[in-house]
Amino acid sequence: MKTKSVLISPIETVREDTGNTPLSLMQPKKGGKISHLETKNPGILQKLMAMGVLPGMPVTLLRRTPSFLFEVDQTRYAVDREIADHIFVSF
């Protein structure tokens, strides 16, 4: 099984299975758990962490257009594809 190093905080890396689905490719009304955040951009990572979008949290995609509307921990967020591409979900 192919694995990849994934940055989950500025000072910590973990290895995660790359077979998970980006939030941007999910169908509306589908849910799962955030498996990992995959980005080399510290600004995107900090934004997601500040929002509470963290590995292990349950997530449900509510809408794909005009932006990706999803719910984590009873809070709804709207993000563009650039952000949604970095949130990986397992089912």
Protein backbone atom coordinates (compact mmCIF):
# COMPACT_ATOMS: atom_id res chain seq x y z
CA MET A 1 0.00 0.00 0.00
CA LYS A 2 1.41 3.38 -0.99
CA THR A 3 1.86 5.89 1.82
CA LYS A 4 2.83 9.52 1.88
CA SER A 5 4.15 11.86 4.56
CA VAL A 6 1.50 14.39 5.51
CA LEU A 7 2.08 17.60 7.42
CA ILE A 8 -0.53 18.01 10.17
CA SER A 9 1.18 20.76 12.12
CA PRO A 10 4.22 22.93 11.51
CA ILE A 11 6.44 20.59 13.55
CA GLU A 12 4.85 17.13 13.22
CA THR A 13 4.47 14.73 10.29
CA VAL A 14 2.64 11.43 10.10
CA ARG A 15 2.25 8.76 7.44
CA GLU A 16 -1.26 8.30 6.10
CA ASP A 17 -2.88 6.03 3.53
CA THR A 18 -3.34 8.00 0.30
CA GLY A 19 -6.53 6.08 -0.63
CA ASN A 20 -8.85 8.64 1.02
CA THR A 21 -11.09 11.08 -0.85
CA PRO A 22 -10.61 14.86 -0.98
CA LEU A 23 -13.62 16.81 0.28
CA SER A 24 -13.75 18.46 -3.15
CA LEU A 25 -14.62 15.10 -4.79
CA MET A 26 -17.32 14.01 -2.33
CA GLN A 27 -21.01 14.01 -3.18
CA PRO A 28 -23.38 16.29 -1.22
CA LYS A 29 -25.03 14.79 1.87
CA LYS A 30 -22.15 12.31 2.27
CA GLY A 31 -20.24 12.14 5.49
CA GLY A 32 -17.16 10.55 6.96
CA LYS A 33 -14.20 11.37 9.17
CA ILE A 34 -11.36 13.70 8.30
CA SER A 35 -8.43 11.34 7.77
CA HIS A 36 -5.75 13.94 7.15
CA LEU A 37 -4.89 17.40 5.85
CA GLU A 38 -2.47 17.34 2.95
CA THR A 39 -0.73 20.60 2.08
CA LYS A 40 2.72 22.12 1.97
CA ASN A 41 1.24 25.60 2.44
CA PRO A 42 1.45 26.57 6.13
CA GLY A 43 -1.18 29.30 5.64
CA ILE A 44 -3.81 26.80 4.49
CA LEU A 45 -2.89 24.41 7.29
CA GLN A 46 -3.16 27.15 9.92
CA LYS A 47 -6.53 28.27 8.53
CA LEU A 48 -7.96 24.74 8.65
CA MET A 49 -6.63 24.11 12.15
CA ALA A 50 -8.05 27.43 13.39
CA MET A 51 -11.44 26.42 11.97
CA GLY A 52 -11.31 23.15 13.92
CA VAL A 53 -10.98 21.05 10.78
CA LEU A 54 -8.74 18.35 12.24
CA PRO A 55 -8.03 14.66 11.62
CA GLY A 56 -10.56 12.40 13.35
CA MET A 57 -13.41 14.92 13.24
CA PRO A 58 -16.69 13.87 11.59
CA VAL A 59 -17.50 15.88 8.46
CA THR A 60 -20.52 16.12 6.15
CA LEU A 61 -20.48 17.82 2.76
CA LEU A 62 -23.72 19.78 2.38
CA ARG A 63 -23.22 21.55 -0.97
CA ARG A 64 -20.61 21.76 -3.74
CA THR A 65 -21.59 25.01 -5.49
CA PRO A 66 -21.04 27.94 -5.52
CA SER A 67 -18.61 26.98 -2.75
CA PHE A 68 -18.03 23.80 -0.76
CA LEU A 69 -20.31 23.98 2.26
CA PHE A 70 -19.50 21.41 4.93
CA GLU A 71 -20.18 20.79 8.59
CA VAL A 72 -17.67 19.87 11.29
CA ASP A 73 -18.63 19.70 14.98
CA GLN A 74 -22.05 21.37 14.39
CA THR A 75 -20.42 24.34 12.62
CA ARG A 76 -20.82 25.04 8.91
CA TYR A 77 -17.98 26.32 6.75
CA ALA A 78 -17.87 27.48 3.13
CA VAL A 79 -14.53 27.15 1.33
CA ASP A 80 -13.34 27.25 -2.26
CA ARG A 81 -11.88 24.29 -4.14
CA GLU A 82 -8.32 25.37 -3.25
CA ILE A 83 -9.07 24.64 0.40
CA ALA A 84 -11.41 21.65 -0.12
CA ASP A 85 -8.70 19.85 -2.12
CA HIS A 86 -6.54 19.63 1.04
CA ILE A 87 -9.14 17.99 3.33
CA PHE A 88 -9.15 14.19 2.98
CA VAL A 89 -12.08 12.11 4.22
CA SER A 90 -12.40 8.39 4.98
CA PHE A 91 -15.73 6.56 4.97
